[in-house]
N, C-alpha and C. Protein backbone atom coordinates (compact mmCIF):
# COMPACT_ATOMS: atom_id res chain seq x y z
N MET A 1 -50.32 -44.01 -3.77
CA MET A 1 -51.16 -44.99 -4.39
C MET A 1 -50.50 -45.49 -5.68
N GLY A 2 -50.59 -46.74 -5.97
CA GLY A 2 -50.06 -47.28 -7.22
C GLY A 2 -48.60 -47.68 -7.10
N ASN A 3 -48.07 -48.23 -8.19
CA ASN A 3 -46.70 -48.71 -8.21
C ASN A 3 -45.71 -47.69 -8.71
N THR A 4 -46.17 -46.61 -9.30
CA THR A 4 -45.29 -45.59 -9.85
C THR A 4 -45.14 -44.44 -8.87
N PRO A 5 -43.89 -44.08 -8.52
CA PRO A 5 -43.73 -42.96 -7.59
C PRO A 5 -44.11 -41.64 -8.25
N ASN A 6 -44.72 -40.79 -7.49
CA ASN A 6 -45.07 -39.45 -7.94
C ASN A 6 -43.98 -38.48 -7.51
N MET A 7 -43.88 -37.34 -8.17
CA MET A 7 -42.87 -36.34 -7.81
C MET A 7 -43.02 -35.92 -6.34
N ALA A 8 -44.23 -35.89 -5.84
CA ALA A 8 -44.45 -35.50 -4.45
C ALA A 8 -43.88 -36.52 -3.47
N ASP A 9 -43.72 -37.77 -3.92
CA ASP A 9 -43.20 -38.83 -3.06
C ASP A 9 -41.67 -38.88 -3.05
N MET A 10 -41.03 -38.20 -3.98
CA MET A 10 -39.58 -38.28 -4.12
C MET A 10 -38.88 -37.24 -3.25
N SER A 11 -37.61 -37.50 -2.97
CA SER A 11 -36.81 -36.57 -2.18
C SER A 11 -36.48 -35.34 -3.01
N PRO A 12 -36.30 -34.21 -2.35
CA PRO A 12 -35.84 -33.02 -3.08
C PRO A 12 -34.47 -33.29 -3.70
N ILE A 13 -34.16 -32.62 -4.81
CA ILE A 13 -32.92 -32.85 -5.53
C ILE A 13 -31.69 -32.56 -4.67
N LYS A 14 -31.79 -31.66 -3.71
CA LYS A 14 -30.63 -31.36 -2.85
C LYS A 14 -30.25 -32.57 -1.99
N ASP A 15 -31.22 -33.45 -1.69
CA ASP A 15 -30.93 -34.66 -0.91
C ASP A 15 -30.37 -35.78 -1.78
N LEU A 16 -30.55 -35.68 -3.09
CA LEU A 16 -30.14 -36.73 -4.01
C LEU A 16 -28.62 -36.88 -4.03
N GLU A 17 -27.89 -35.80 -3.97
CA GLU A 17 -26.43 -35.85 -4.04
C GLU A 17 -25.84 -36.72 -2.93
N GLN A 18 -26.44 -36.73 -1.77
CA GLN A 18 -25.94 -37.51 -0.66
C GLN A 18 -26.22 -39.00 -0.85
N GLN A 19 -27.21 -39.36 -1.64
CA GLN A 19 -27.60 -40.75 -1.81
C GLN A 19 -26.81 -41.46 -2.90
N LEU A 20 -26.18 -40.71 -3.80
CA LEU A 20 -25.49 -41.32 -4.93
C LEU A 20 -24.12 -41.83 -4.53
N PRO A 21 -23.75 -43.01 -5.01
CA PRO A 21 -22.41 -43.52 -4.73
C PRO A 21 -21.39 -42.76 -5.56
N SER A 22 -20.16 -42.72 -5.08
CA SER A 22 -19.11 -42.04 -5.83
C SER A 22 -18.49 -43.04 -6.81
N GLN A 23 -19.03 -43.08 -7.99
CA GLN A 23 -18.56 -43.98 -9.03
C GLN A 23 -18.77 -43.33 -10.39
N THR A 24 -18.30 -43.98 -11.43
CA THR A 24 -18.51 -43.46 -12.78
C THR A 24 -19.45 -44.38 -13.53
N GLY A 25 -20.11 -43.81 -14.49
CA GLY A 25 -21.02 -44.56 -15.34
C GLY A 25 -20.70 -44.28 -16.79
N LYS A 26 -21.29 -45.06 -17.69
CA LYS A 26 -21.07 -44.87 -19.12
C LYS A 26 -22.24 -44.12 -19.71
N VAL A 27 -21.92 -43.15 -20.56
CA VAL A 27 -22.92 -42.37 -21.28
C VAL A 27 -22.76 -42.69 -22.75
N LYS A 28 -23.83 -43.11 -23.38
CA LYS A 28 -23.80 -43.41 -24.81
C LYS A 28 -24.54 -42.31 -25.56
N LEU A 29 -23.88 -41.76 -26.57
CA LEU A 29 -24.45 -40.68 -27.37
C LEU A 29 -24.91 -41.25 -28.71
N TYR A 30 -26.20 -41.12 -28.98
CA TYR A 30 -26.78 -41.58 -30.24
C TYR A 30 -27.19 -40.37 -31.05
N ILE A 31 -26.90 -40.38 -32.35
CA ILE A 31 -27.24 -39.27 -33.23
C ILE A 31 -28.12 -39.80 -34.35
N SER A 32 -29.24 -39.10 -34.59
CA SER A 32 -30.14 -39.49 -35.66
C SER A 32 -30.97 -38.29 -36.09
N ASN A 33 -31.29 -38.22 -37.36
CA ASN A 33 -32.18 -37.18 -37.89
C ASN A 33 -33.63 -37.67 -37.95
N SER A 34 -33.86 -38.91 -37.58
CA SER A 34 -35.19 -39.50 -37.67
C SER A 34 -36.09 -39.04 -36.53
N ASN A 35 -37.36 -39.26 -36.69
CA ASN A 35 -38.35 -38.96 -35.66
C ASN A 35 -38.06 -39.84 -34.44
N PRO A 36 -37.90 -39.28 -33.25
CA PRO A 36 -37.59 -40.08 -32.06
C PRO A 36 -38.62 -41.17 -31.76
N GLU A 37 -39.85 -40.95 -32.14
CA GLU A 37 -40.89 -41.96 -31.89
C GLU A 37 -40.68 -43.21 -32.73
N LEU A 38 -39.96 -43.09 -33.84
CA LEU A 38 -39.78 -44.21 -34.75
C LEU A 38 -38.44 -44.91 -34.58
N LEU A 39 -37.59 -44.43 -33.69
CA LEU A 39 -36.26 -45.01 -33.51
C LEU A 39 -36.33 -46.33 -32.76
N ASP A 40 -35.51 -47.27 -33.17
CA ASP A 40 -35.37 -48.54 -32.47
C ASP A 40 -33.94 -48.58 -31.92
N ILE A 41 -33.79 -48.34 -30.63
CA ILE A 41 -32.46 -48.23 -30.01
C ILE A 41 -31.66 -49.51 -30.12
N THR A 42 -32.33 -50.64 -30.25
CA THR A 42 -31.62 -51.91 -30.36
C THR A 42 -30.91 -52.05 -31.71
N MET A 43 -31.34 -51.29 -32.71
CA MET A 43 -30.73 -51.36 -34.04
C MET A 43 -29.70 -50.24 -34.26
N MET A 44 -29.54 -49.35 -33.31
CA MET A 44 -28.63 -48.21 -33.47
C MET A 44 -27.29 -48.49 -32.80
N ARG A 45 -26.27 -47.80 -33.28
CA ARG A 45 -24.95 -47.85 -32.66
C ARG A 45 -24.64 -46.46 -32.12
N PRO A 46 -24.04 -46.37 -30.94
CA PRO A 46 -23.73 -45.05 -30.39
C PRO A 46 -22.62 -44.37 -31.20
N ALA A 47 -22.72 -43.05 -31.33
CA ALA A 47 -21.68 -42.27 -31.99
C ALA A 47 -20.44 -42.21 -31.11
N MET A 48 -20.64 -42.28 -29.80
CA MET A 48 -19.52 -42.30 -28.86
C MET A 48 -19.99 -42.81 -27.51
N ILE A 49 -19.04 -43.26 -26.72
CA ILE A 49 -19.30 -43.69 -25.35
C ILE A 49 -18.28 -42.97 -24.47
N ALA A 50 -18.77 -42.32 -23.43
CA ALA A 50 -17.89 -41.59 -22.51
C ALA A 50 -18.19 -42.02 -21.09
N GLU A 51 -17.21 -41.90 -20.23
CA GLU A 51 -17.42 -42.16 -18.81
C GLU A 51 -17.61 -40.83 -18.10
N ALA A 52 -18.55 -40.80 -17.17
CA ALA A 52 -18.84 -39.59 -16.41
C ALA A 52 -19.16 -39.98 -14.98
N PRO A 53 -18.85 -39.10 -14.03
CA PRO A 53 -19.18 -39.40 -12.64
C PRO A 53 -20.70 -39.40 -12.43
N VAL A 54 -21.16 -40.30 -11.59
CA VAL A 54 -22.58 -40.34 -11.23
C VAL A 54 -22.84 -39.13 -10.35
N SER A 55 -23.85 -38.34 -10.72
CA SER A 55 -24.09 -37.07 -10.05
C SER A 55 -25.58 -36.75 -10.06
N GLY A 56 -25.96 -35.83 -9.22
CA GLY A 56 -27.35 -35.36 -9.16
C GLY A 56 -27.65 -34.31 -10.21
N THR A 57 -26.62 -33.88 -10.97
CA THR A 57 -26.82 -32.87 -12.01
C THR A 57 -26.28 -33.39 -13.34
N ILE A 58 -26.66 -32.74 -14.41
CA ILE A 58 -26.22 -33.16 -15.73
C ILE A 58 -24.88 -32.53 -16.13
N GLN A 59 -24.42 -31.54 -15.39
CA GLN A 59 -23.19 -30.84 -15.76
C GLN A 59 -21.98 -31.76 -15.94
N PRO A 60 -21.66 -32.67 -15.02
CA PRO A 60 -20.51 -33.55 -15.24
C PRO A 60 -20.66 -34.44 -16.47
N VAL A 61 -21.88 -34.82 -16.79
CA VAL A 61 -22.12 -35.66 -17.96
C VAL A 61 -21.83 -34.86 -19.23
N LEU A 62 -22.34 -33.63 -19.29
CA LEU A 62 -22.09 -32.80 -20.47
C LEU A 62 -20.61 -32.45 -20.60
N GLU A 63 -19.93 -32.24 -19.50
CA GLU A 63 -18.49 -31.95 -19.55
C GLU A 63 -17.72 -33.16 -20.09
N ALA A 64 -18.10 -34.36 -19.68
CA ALA A 64 -17.44 -35.57 -20.17
C ALA A 64 -17.68 -35.75 -21.67
N LEU A 65 -18.90 -35.45 -22.12
CA LEU A 65 -19.20 -35.55 -23.55
C LEU A 65 -18.42 -34.49 -24.34
N ALA A 66 -18.36 -33.27 -23.81
CA ALA A 66 -17.68 -32.19 -24.51
C ALA A 66 -16.18 -32.46 -24.65
N GLU A 67 -15.57 -33.14 -23.69
CA GLU A 67 -14.15 -33.45 -23.76
C GLU A 67 -13.85 -34.43 -24.89
N ASN A 68 -14.78 -35.33 -25.18
CA ASN A 68 -14.53 -36.41 -26.13
C ASN A 68 -15.23 -36.24 -27.47
N TYR A 69 -16.20 -35.34 -27.56
CA TYR A 69 -16.97 -35.18 -28.79
C TYR A 69 -17.08 -33.70 -29.09
N SER A 70 -16.39 -33.22 -30.08
CA SER A 70 -16.27 -31.79 -30.34
C SER A 70 -17.58 -31.06 -30.67
N PRO A 71 -18.58 -31.64 -31.38
CA PRO A 71 -19.79 -30.87 -31.66
C PRO A 71 -20.63 -30.52 -30.43
N VAL A 72 -20.40 -31.14 -29.30
CA VAL A 72 -21.21 -30.86 -28.11
C VAL A 72 -20.76 -29.54 -27.51
């Protein structure tokens, strides 16, 4: 019901890996000490931009960030 999919309507995460294309995407890392509710992303500049493979898990994204940004 409705326009928003519910978790029960989505595929299990194990099926997600087969649906993703084998390509890379850009990950932008933003750093701020401000309250996240008050941030305006249009006024911010990313601290770094890294390329990472599109994946069903966050591990490749974190590995790509760690290679290019030492505090991660």
